[in-house]
Amino acid sequence: MSAACAMAQAPGAVLYVSGPYRVWVRSVVLAKAQRLARVRAPLETGGLLLGQVVDGEAHVLALTGPGRRARRSRLGYESDGARDTRLVARVHPELHYLGDWHTHPGGPAVLSATDVASIQGALTPSRPEALHLLLAGPADMGDAVASLFTLVRGESAVRRMTPEVAA
């Protein structure tokens, strides 16, 4: 078992499942997303999900916040793509892009058509699956709920994954 696999399956991880798809998200990653959501509220914010795929399971080991040039509003978020590329190469070279995350302050835990199009745009022949973590809650994001989605190339719809607390 690789170090990444052992780290993600530690008691401090949440397992998300949908059919045959399994994704481990470290609790510290979820906590960081919650903190960034509260700090940036009531505007949307987001970033990248980084990790590794081990034995067919995705392991989200880190996430980034928004860059200075990210566009944030009450109803939208657009990442600072150039900064994200530089940051991943420099700070997390051992991790791979697994997907994105963003918030819906004062909104539902439902992906918009724009969100789905963004996830679809992340799919490539070398990246047949993309994850998306959505945090939704009150305008101050004080009690935000995390929902994880995945889209697999060749499937017609985005899947909402069900969380299970790791033993």
N, C-alpha and C. Protein backbone atom coordinates (compact mmCIF):
# COMPACT_ATOMS: atom_id res chain seq x y z
N MET A 1 0.85 -1.18 0.00
CA MET A 1 0.00 0.00 0.00
C MET A 1 0.89 1.24 0.00
N SER A 2 0.59 2.19 -0.87
CA SER A 2 1.40 3.40 -0.95
C SER A 2 1.14 4.31 0.25
N ALA A 3 2.05 5.26 0.46
CA ALA A 3 1.89 6.21 1.56
C ALA A 3 0.62 7.02 1.38
N ALA A 4 0.32 7.41 0.14
CA ALA A 4 -0.89 8.19 -0.11
C ALA A 4 -2.13 7.39 0.26
N CYS A 5 -2.12 6.12 -0.09
CA CYS A 5 -3.26 5.27 0.22
C CYS A 5 -3.44 5.14 1.72
N ALA A 6 -2.37 4.90 2.44
CA ALA A 6 -2.43 4.78 3.90
C ALA A 6 -2.90 6.07 4.53
N MET A 7 -2.43 7.20 4.00
CA MET A 7 -2.80 8.49 4.55
C MET A 7 -4.30 8.75 4.35
N ALA A 8 -4.81 8.47 3.17
CA ALA A 8 -6.20 8.78 2.87
C ALA A 8 -7.15 7.86 3.63
N GLN A 9 -6.73 6.62 3.91
CA GLN A 9 -7.62 5.69 4.58
C GLN A 9 -7.51 5.77 6.10
N ALA A 10 -6.76 6.73 6.61
CA ALA A 10 -6.65 6.94 8.05
C ALA A 10 -8.02 7.31 8.60
N PRO A 11 -8.22 7.18 9.92
CA PRO A 11 -9.51 7.52 10.51
C PRO A 11 -9.96 8.95 10.18
N GLY A 12 -9.04 9.82 9.81
CA GLY A 12 -9.39 11.20 9.50
C GLY A 12 -9.79 11.40 8.05
N ALA A 13 -10.50 10.43 7.47
CA ALA A 13 -10.93 10.55 6.08
C ALA A 13 -12.39 10.18 5.95
N VAL A 14 -13.03 10.71 4.92
CA VAL A 14 -14.41 10.36 4.62
C VAL A 14 -14.40 9.64 3.28
N LEU A 15 -15.09 8.53 3.22
CA LEU A 15 -15.24 7.76 1.99
C LEU A 15 -16.55 8.17 1.33
N TYR A 16 -16.47 8.56 0.06
CA TYR A 16 -17.67 8.86 -0.74
C TYR A 16 -17.81 7.75 -1.77
N VAL A 17 -19.05 7.27 -1.95
CA VAL A 17 -19.30 6.13 -2.82
C VAL A 17 -20.47 6.43 -3.75
N SER A 18 -20.35 5.97 -5.00
CA SER A 18 -21.47 5.96 -5.95
C SER A 18 -21.24 4.79 -6.88
N GLY A 19 -22.04 3.75 -6.72
CA GLY A 19 -21.86 2.54 -7.53
C GLY A 19 -20.45 2.01 -7.33
N PRO A 20 -19.72 1.79 -8.42
CA PRO A 20 -18.37 1.24 -8.29
C PRO A 20 -17.31 2.30 -7.96
N TYR A 21 -17.70 3.56 -7.90
CA TYR A 21 -16.73 4.64 -7.70
C TYR A 21 -16.56 4.95 -6.22
N ARG A 22 -15.30 5.05 -5.80
CA ARG A 22 -14.96 5.32 -4.40
C ARG A 22 -13.93 6.44 -4.35
N VAL A 23 -14.19 7.41 -3.48
CA VAL A 23 -13.29 8.56 -3.32
C VAL A 23 -13.08 8.80 -1.83
N TRP A 24 -11.82 8.86 -1.41
CA TRP A 24 -11.44 9.19 -0.04
C TRP A 24 -11.08 10.67 0.01
N VAL A 25 -11.66 11.40 0.94
CA VAL A 25 -11.34 12.82 1.13
C VAL A 25 -10.86 12.99 2.57
N ARG A 26 -9.63 13.48 2.71
CA ARG A 26 -9.09 13.70 4.05
C ARG A 26 -9.93 14.74 4.78
N SER A 27 -10.15 14.51 6.06
CA SER A 27 -10.94 15.44 6.88
C SER A 27 -10.31 16.83 6.92
N VAL A 28 -8.97 16.90 6.90
CA VAL A 28 -8.31 18.21 6.91
C VAL A 28 -8.59 18.96 5.62
N VAL A 29 -8.80 18.25 4.53
CA VAL A 29 -9.14 18.90 3.25
C VAL A 29 -10.54 19.50 3.36
N LEU A 30 -11.49 18.73 3.90
CA LEU A 30 -12.85 19.25 4.08
C LEU A 30 -12.85 20.44 5.03
N ALA A 31 -12.05 20.36 6.11
CA ALA A 31 -11.98 21.47 7.07
C ALA A 31 -11.41 22.73 6.41
N LYS A 32 -10.41 22.57 5.57
CA LYS A 32 -9.83 23.73 4.88
C LYS A 32 -10.86 24.35 3.94
N ALA A 33 -11.60 23.53 3.21
CA ALA A 33 -12.64 24.06 2.31
C ALA A 33 -13.69 24.82 3.11
N GLN A 34 -14.10 24.27 4.26
CA GLN A 34 -15.08 24.94 5.12
C GLN A 34 -14.56 26.30 5.59
N ARG A 35 -13.28 26.32 6.00
CA ARG A 35 -12.67 27.57 6.49
C ARG A 35 -12.62 28.61 5.37
N LEU A 36 -12.17 28.21 4.19
CA LEU A 36 -12.10 29.15 3.06
C LEU A 36 -13.50 29.63 2.67
N ALA A 37 -14.48 28.76 2.76
CA ALA A 37 -15.87 29.14 2.44
C ALA A 37 -16.36 30.22 3.39
N ARG A 38 -16.09 30.05 4.69
CA ARG A 38 -16.54 31.04 5.68
C ARG A 38 -15.82 32.38 5.50
N VAL A 39 -14.51 32.32 5.24
CA VAL A 39 -13.72 33.54 5.09
C VAL A 39 -14.17 34.35 3.87
N ARG A 40 -14.51 33.67 2.81
CA ARG A 40 -14.86 34.35 1.54
C ARG A 40 -16.35 34.68 1.42
N ALA A 41 -17.20 34.14 2.31
CA ALA A 41 -18.64 34.38 2.25
C ALA A 41 -18.91 35.87 2.42
N PRO A 42 -19.93 36.40 1.79
CA PRO A 42 -21.01 35.73 1.08
C PRO A 42 -20.74 35.50 -0.41
N LEU A 43 -19.51 35.69 -0.84
CA LEU A 43 -19.17 35.45 -2.24
C LEU A 43 -18.78 33.99 -2.44
N GLU A 44 -19.00 33.49 -3.66
CA GLU A 44 -18.54 32.14 -3.97
C GLU A 44 -17.02 32.13 -4.03
N THR A 45 -16.45 30.98 -3.74
CA THR A 45 -15.01 30.79 -3.85
C THR A 45 -14.76 29.35 -4.26
N GLY A 46 -13.51 29.00 -4.47
CA GLY A 46 -13.22 27.63 -4.86
C GLY A 46 -11.75 27.42 -5.12
N GLY A 47 -11.45 26.33 -5.79
CA GLY A 47 -10.07 25.97 -6.10
C GLY A 47 -10.00 24.58 -6.69
N LEU A 48 -8.84 23.96 -6.55
CA LEU A 48 -8.58 22.65 -7.13
C LEU A 48 -8.59 21.56 -6.07
N LEU A 49 -8.95 20.36 -6.47
CA LEU A 49 -8.83 19.16 -5.65
C LEU A 49 -7.62 18.40 -6.17
N LEU A 50 -6.69 18.06 -5.28
CA LEU A 50 -5.45 17.41 -5.68
C LEU A 50 -5.29 16.10 -4.93
N GLY A 51 -4.68 15.13 -5.57
CA GLY A 51 -4.46 13.86 -4.91
C GLY A 51 -3.87 12.83 -5.83
N GLN A 52 -4.23 11.60 -5.57
CA GLN A 52 -3.72 10.47 -6.34
C GLN A 52 -4.82 9.44 -6.52
N VAL A 53 -4.65 8.60 -7.52
CA VAL A 53 -5.54 7.46 -7.71
C VAL A 53 -4.73 6.22 -7.39
N VAL A 54 -5.22 5.45 -6.42
CA VAL A 54 -4.52 4.25 -5.94
C VAL A 54 -5.49 3.08 -6.03
N ASP A 55 -5.11 2.06 -6.74
CA ASP A 55 -5.94 0.86 -6.90
C ASP A 55 -7.36 1.22 -7.33
N GLY A 56 -7.50 2.18 -8.25
CA GLY A 56 -8.79 2.56 -8.79
C GLY A 56 -9.62 3.48 -7.91
N GLU A 57 -9.10 3.85 -6.74
CA GLU A 57 -9.82 4.77 -5.85
C GLU A 57 -9.11 6.12 -5.83
N ALA A 58 -9.89 7.19 -5.93
CA ALA A 58 -9.31 8.54 -5.85
C ALA A 58 -9.11 8.90 -4.39
N HIS A 59 -8.00 9.58 -4.10
CA HIS A 59 -7.66 10.03 -2.75
C HIS A 59 -7.40 11.52 -2.82
N VAL A 60 -8.33 12.32 -2.29
CA VAL A 60 -8.16 13.78 -2.28
C VAL A 60 -7.32 14.11 -1.05
N LEU A 61 -6.09 14.56 -1.31
CA LEU A 61 -5.12 14.79 -0.25
C LEU A 61 -4.87 16.26 0.04
N ALA A 62 -5.28 17.16 -0.87
CA ALA A 62 -5.05 18.60 -0.69
C ALA A 62 -6.04 19.36 -1.56
N LEU A 63 -6.20 20.63 -1.25
CA LEU A 63 -6.94 21.52 -2.14
C LEU A 63 -6.30 22.88 -2.12
N THR A 64 -6.58 23.64 -3.15
CA THR A 64 -6.06 25.01 -3.23
C THR A 64 -7.23 25.97 -3.02
N GLY A 65 -6.89 27.19 -2.66
CA GLY A 65 -7.88 28.25 -2.57
C GLY A 65 -7.87 29.05 -3.86
N PRO A 66 -8.62 30.13 -3.90
CA PRO A 66 -8.67 30.95 -5.12
C PRO A 66 -7.40 31.79 -5.27
N GLY A 67 -7.02 32.04 -6.47
CA GLY A 67 -5.90 32.94 -6.73
C GLY A 67 -6.36 34.39 -6.70
N ARG A 68 -5.40 35.30 -6.72
CA ARG A 68 -5.75 36.73 -6.68
C ARG A 68 -6.59 37.16 -7.87
N ARG A 69 -6.42 36.50 -9.00
CA ARG A 69 -7.17 36.89 -10.20
C ARG A 69 -8.45 36.09 -10.39
N ALA A 70 -8.80 35.27 -9.42
CA ALA A 70 -10.06 34.54 -9.49
C ALA A 70 -11.21 35.56 -9.44
N ARG A 71 -12.26 35.25 -10.16
CA ARG A 71 -13.44 36.12 -10.16
C ARG A 71 -14.49 35.50 -9.26
N ARG A 72 -14.90 36.29 -8.28
CA ARG A 72 -15.85 35.80 -7.29
C ARG A 72 -17.02 36.76 -7.21
N SER A 73 -18.21 36.19 -7.17
CA SER A 73 -19.41 37.01 -6.99
C SER A 73 -20.38 36.20 -6.13
N ARG A 74 -21.56 36.78 -5.89
CA ARG A 74 -22.55 36.05 -5.08
C ARG A 74 -23.09 34.84 -5.83
N LEU A 75 -23.03 34.86 -7.15
CA LEU A 75 -23.62 33.76 -7.94
C LEU A 75 -22.62 33.11 -8.90
N GLY A 76 -21.33 33.29 -8.66
CA GLY A 76 -20.39 32.66 -9.56
C GLY A 76 -18.95 32.70 -9.08
N TYR A 77 -18.18 31.79 -9.62
CA TYR A 77 -16.76 31.70 -9.32
C TYR A 77 -16.03 31.26 -10.58
N GLU A 78 -14.96 31.98 -10.91
CA GLU A 78 -14.11 31.61 -12.05
C GLU A 78 -12.68 31.59 -11.54
N SER A 79 -12.02 30.47 -11.70
CA SER A 79 -10.69 30.27 -11.12
C SER A 79 -9.62 31.11 -11.83
N ASP A 80 -8.51 31.23 -11.17
CA ASP A 80 -7.30 31.86 -11.71
C ASP A 80 -6.45 30.71 -12.26
N GLY A 81 -6.77 30.27 -13.48
CA GLY A 81 -6.17 29.08 -14.06
C GLY A 81 -4.67 29.13 -14.18
N ALA A 82 -4.11 30.27 -14.56
CA ALA A 82 -2.65 30.38 -14.70
C ALA A 82 -1.97 30.18 -13.35
N ARG A 83 -2.51 30.78 -12.33
CA ARG A 83 -1.95 30.62 -10.98
C ARG A 83 -2.08 29.18 -10.50
N ASP A 84 -3.22 28.56 -10.78
CA ASP A 84 -3.43 27.17 -10.36
C ASP A 84 -2.38 26.25 -10.97
N THR A 85 -2.11 26.42 -12.24
CA THR A 85 -1.12 25.59 -12.92
C THR A 85 0.26 25.76 -12.31
N ARG A 86 0.66 27.01 -12.07
CA ARG A 86 1.98 27.27 -11.47
C ARG A 86 2.06 26.71 -10.05
N LEU A 87 1.01 26.89 -9.28
CA LEU A 87 1.00 26.45 -7.89
C LEU A 87 1.14 24.94 -7.78
N VAL A 88 0.38 24.21 -8.57
CA VAL A 88 0.43 22.74 -8.50
C VAL A 88 1.81 22.25 -8.88
N ALA A 89 2.38 22.80 -9.93
CA ALA A 89 3.71 22.36 -10.37
C ALA A 89 4.78 22.64 -9.32
N ARG A 90 4.63 23.75 -8.60
CA ARG A 90 5.66 24.16 -7.64
C ARG A 90 5.46 23.57 -6.25
N VAL A 91 4.23 23.61 -5.74
CA VAL A 91 3.97 23.25 -4.36
C VAL A 91 3.57 21.78 -4.19
N HIS A 92 2.84 21.25 -5.14
CA HIS A 92 2.33 19.88 -5.02
C HIS A 92 2.72 19.04 -6.23
N PRO A 93 3.98 18.94 -6.59
CA PRO A 93 4.34 18.22 -7.81
C PRO A 93 4.02 16.72 -7.77
N GLU A 94 3.91 16.16 -6.58
CA GLU A 94 3.63 14.73 -6.47
C GLU A 94 2.13 14.42 -6.55
N LEU A 95 1.30 15.46 -6.51
CA LEU A 95 -0.15 15.28 -6.56
C LEU A 95 -0.67 15.60 -7.95
N HIS A 96 -1.82 15.04 -8.26
CA HIS A 96 -2.44 15.24 -9.57
C HIS A 96 -3.77 15.96 -9.41
N TYR A 97 -4.15 16.68 -10.45
CA TYR A 97 -5.45 17.33 -10.49
C TYR A 97 -6.53 16.25 -10.55
N LEU A 98 -7.48 16.30 -9.61
CA LEU A 98 -8.61 15.36 -9.60
C LEU A 98 -9.93 16.04 -9.92
N GLY A 99 -9.97 17.36 -9.76
CA GLY A 99 -11.21 18.09 -10.01
C GLY A 99 -11.17 19.45 -9.35
N ASP A 100 -12.34 20.00 -9.14
CA ASP A 100 -12.47 21.34 -8.59
C ASP A 100 -13.42 21.33 -7.40
N TRP A 101 -13.43 22.47 -6.70
CA TRP A 101 -14.41 22.66 -5.63
C TRP A 101 -14.86 24.11 -5.67
N HIS A 102 -16.07 24.36 -5.21
CA HIS A 102 -16.54 25.74 -5.06
C HIS A 102 -17.71 25.77 -4.08
N THR A 103 -18.19 26.98 -3.80
CA THR A 103 -19.23 27.18 -2.79
C THR A 103 -20.49 27.78 -3.39
N HIS A 104 -21.59 27.57 -2.68
CA HIS A 104 -22.87 28.21 -2.98
C HIS A 104 -23.37 28.86 -1.68
N PRO A 105 -22.83 30.02 -1.29
CA PRO A 105 -23.33 30.69 -0.08
C PRO A 105 -24.79 31.10 -0.26
N GLY A 106 -25.63 30.71 0.68
CA GLY A 106 -27.04 31.04 0.59
C GLY A 106 -27.76 30.28 -0.51
N GLY A 107 -27.13 29.24 -1.02
CA GLY A 107 -27.74 28.49 -2.12
C GLY A 107 -27.81 27.00 -1.84
N PRO A 108 -28.43 26.28 -2.76
CA PRO A 108 -28.64 24.85 -2.56
C PRO A 108 -27.38 24.02 -2.89
N ALA A 109 -27.38 22.79 -2.39
CA ALA A 109 -26.29 21.86 -2.67
C ALA A 109 -26.58 21.11 -3.97
N VAL A 110 -26.85 21.90 -5.01
CA VAL A 110 -27.19 21.37 -6.32
C VAL A 110 -26.29 22.05 -7.34
N LEU A 111 -25.75 21.26 -8.25
CA LEU A 111 -24.90 21.82 -9.30
C LEU A 111 -25.76 22.57 -10.31
N SER A 112 -25.29 23.74 -10.71
CA SER A 112 -25.97 24.50 -11.76
C SER A 112 -25.55 23.95 -13.12
N ALA A 113 -26.22 24.39 -14.17
CA ALA A 113 -25.83 23.99 -15.52
C ALA A 113 -24.40 24.45 -15.82
N THR A 114 -24.02 25.62 -15.30
CA THR A 114 -22.65 26.13 -15.48
C THR A 114 -21.66 25.22 -14.76
N ASP A 115 -22.01 24.77 -13.56
CA ASP A 115 -21.15 23.85 -12.81
C ASP A 115 -20.94 22.55 -13.59
N VAL A 116 -22.03 21.99 -14.12
CA VAL A 116 -21.94 20.73 -14.87
C VAL A 116 -21.08 20.92 -16.12
N ALA A 117 -21.26 22.03 -16.82
CA ALA A 117 -20.45 22.30 -18.01
C ALA A 117 -18.97 22.41 -17.66
N SER A 118 -18.67 23.00 -16.51
CA SER A 118 -17.28 23.11 -16.06
C SER A 118 -16.68 21.73 -15.79
N ILE A 119 -17.46 20.85 -15.16
CA ILE A 119 -16.98 19.50 -14.89
C ILE A 119 -16.75 18.76 -16.20
N GLN A 120 -17.69 18.89 -17.12
CA GLN A 120 -17.55 18.25 -18.43
C GLN A 120 -16.30 18.74 -19.15
N GLY A 121 -16.00 20.03 -19.00
CA GLY A 121 -14.82 20.61 -19.63
C GLY A 121 -13.51 20.09 -19.06
N ALA A 122 -13.56 19.54 -17.86
CA ALA A 122 -12.35 19.01 -17.24
C ALA A 122 -11.99 17.62 -17.76
N LEU A 123 -12.94 16.96 -18.42
CA LEU A 123 -12.69 15.62 -18.93
C LEU A 123 -11.85 15.67 -20.20
N THR A 124 -10.87 14.81 -20.27
CA THR A 124 -10.02 14.67 -21.45
C THR A 124 -9.76 13.18 -21.66
N PRO A 125 -9.20 12.79 -22.81
CA PRO A 125 -8.87 11.36 -22.98
C PRO A 125 -7.93 10.84 -21.89
N SER A 126 -7.03 11.67 -21.40
CA SER A 126 -6.13 11.21 -20.33
C SER A 126 -6.73 11.41 -18.93
N ARG A 127 -7.84 12.12 -18.84
CA ARG A 127 -8.53 12.34 -17.56
C ARG A 127 -10.00 11.98 -17.76
N PRO A 128 -10.35 10.69 -17.71
CA PRO A 128 -11.71 10.27 -18.01
C PRO A 128 -12.71 10.48 -16.87
N GLU A 129 -12.25 10.93 -15.71
CA GLU A 129 -13.13 11.16 -14.57
C GLU A 129 -12.73 12.46 -13.89
N ALA A 130 -13.73 13.24 -13.48
CA ALA A 130 -13.45 14.47 -12.74
C ALA A 130 -14.34 14.52 -11.52
N LEU A 131 -13.78 15.04 -10.44
CA LEU A 131 -14.52 15.21 -9.18
C LEU A 131 -14.92 16.67 -9.03
N HIS A 132 -15.96 16.89 -8.24
CA HIS A 132 -16.34 18.26 -7.89
C HIS A 132 -16.92 18.25 -6.48
N LEU A 133 -16.30 19.05 -5.62
CA LEU A 133 -16.77 19.21 -4.24
C LEU A 133 -17.53 20.53 -4.17
N LEU A 134 -18.77 20.47 -3.70
CA LEU A 134 -19.61 21.66 -3.58
C LEU A 134 -19.97 21.85 -2.11
N LEU A 135 -19.70 23.05 -1.59
CA LEU A 135 -20.11 23.40 -0.24
C LEU A 135 -21.25 24.39 -0.35
N ALA A 136 -22.38 24.07 0.27
CA ALA A 136 -23.55 24.94 0.22
C ALA A 136 -24.09 25.13 1.62
N GLY A 137 -24.66 26.31 1.85
CA GLY A 137 -25.22 26.59 3.16
C GLY A 137 -25.71 28.01 3.25
N PRO A 138 -25.86 28.51 4.47
CA PRO A 138 -26.34 29.89 4.64
C PRO A 138 -25.33 30.88 4.06
N ALA A 139 -25.76 32.12 3.90
CA ALA A 139 -24.91 33.13 3.28
C ALA A 139 -23.57 33.29 3.97
N ASP A 140 -23.50 33.06 5.29
CA ASP A 140 -22.22 33.18 6.00
C ASP A 140 -21.42 31.87 5.98
N MET A 141 -21.99 30.83 5.39
CA MET A 141 -21.37 29.50 5.25
C MET A 141 -21.00 28.89 6.60
N GLY A 142 -21.68 29.32 7.66
CA GLY A 142 -21.39 28.81 8.99
C GLY A 142 -21.70 27.34 9.17
N ASP A 143 -22.72 26.84 8.53
CA ASP A 143 -23.11 25.43 8.64
C ASP A 143 -23.17 24.80 7.26
N ALA A 144 -22.13 24.98 6.48
CA ALA A 144 -22.11 24.49 5.10
C ALA A 144 -22.08 22.97 5.06
N VAL A 145 -22.73 22.41 4.07
CA VAL A 145 -22.76 20.98 3.83
C VAL A 145 -21.90 20.68 2.61
N ALA A 146 -21.04 19.67 2.72
CA ALA A 146 -20.17 19.28 1.61
C ALA A 146 -20.82 18.14 0.83
N SER A 147 -20.89 18.32 -0.49
CA SER A 147 -21.40 17.28 -1.38
C SER A 147 -20.33 17.01 -2.43
N LEU A 148 -20.10 15.74 -2.72
CA LEU A 148 -19.10 15.37 -3.72
C LEU A 148 -19.80 14.75 -4.92
N PHE A 149 -19.36 15.17 -6.09
CA PHE A 149 -19.93 14.70 -7.35
C PHE A 149 -18.80 14.15 -8.22
N THR A 150 -19.15 13.25 -9.12
CA THR A 150 -18.18 12.78 -10.10
C THR A 150 -18.86 12.65 -11.45
N LEU A 151 -18.08 12.88 -12.49
CA LEU A 151 -18.54 12.67 -13.85
C LEU A 151 -17.50 11.79 -14.52
N VAL A 152 -17.98 10.72 -15.13
CA VAL A 152 -17.11 9.76 -15.79
C VAL A 152 -17.39 9.83 -17.28
N ARG A 153 -16.32 9.95 -18.05
CA ARG A 153 -16.45 10.02 -19.51
C ARG A 153 -17.26 8.82 -20.00
N GLY A 154 -18.23 9.10 -20.86
CA GLY A 154 -19.08 8.05 -21.40
C GLY A 154 -20.39 7.88 -20.63
N GLU A 155 -20.47 8.45 -19.43
CA GLU A 155 -21.73 8.41 -18.68
C GLU A 155 -22.52 9.67 -18.97
N SER A 156 -23.83 9.57 -18.93
CA SER A 156 -24.66 10.69 -19.34
C SER A 156 -24.91 11.73 -18.25
N ALA A 157 -24.70 11.37 -17.00
CA ALA A 157 -25.04 12.29 -15.92
C ALA A 157 -23.95 12.35 -14.86
N VAL A 158 -23.95 13.47 -14.16
CA VAL A 158 -23.06 13.65 -13.01
C VAL A 158 -23.64 12.82 -11.87
N ARG A 159 -22.76 12.13 -11.13
CA ARG A 159 -23.19 11.32 -9.99
C ARG A 159 -22.95 12.08 -8.69
N ARG A 160 -23.95 12.11 -7.80
CA ARG A 160 -23.76 12.60 -6.44
C ARG A 160 -23.30 11.41 -5.61
N MET A 161 -22.20 11.57 -4.91
CA MET A 161 -21.64 10.48 -4.12
C MET A 161 -22.16 10.55 -2.70
N THR A 162 -22.29 9.41 -2.06
CA THR A 162 -22.79 9.31 -0.69
C THR A 162 -21.62 9.18 0.27
N PRO A 163 -21.57 10.04 1.32
CA PRO A 163 -20.46 9.94 2.28
C PRO A 163 -20.66 8.82 3.30
N GLU A 164 -19.56 8.19 3.65
CA GLU A 164 -19.52 7.20 4.73
C GLU A 164 -18.31 7.54 5.58
N VAL A 165 -18.45 7.57 6.88
CA VAL A 165 -17.32 7.88 7.75
C VAL A 165 -16.41 6.67 7.78
N ALA A 166 -15.11 6.91 7.56
CA ALA A 166 -14.12 5.82 7.57
C ALA A 166 -13.98 5.26 8.98
N ALA A 167 -13.80 3.96 9.05
CA ALA A 167 -13.64 3.31 10.36
C ALA A 167 -12.22 3.46 10.86
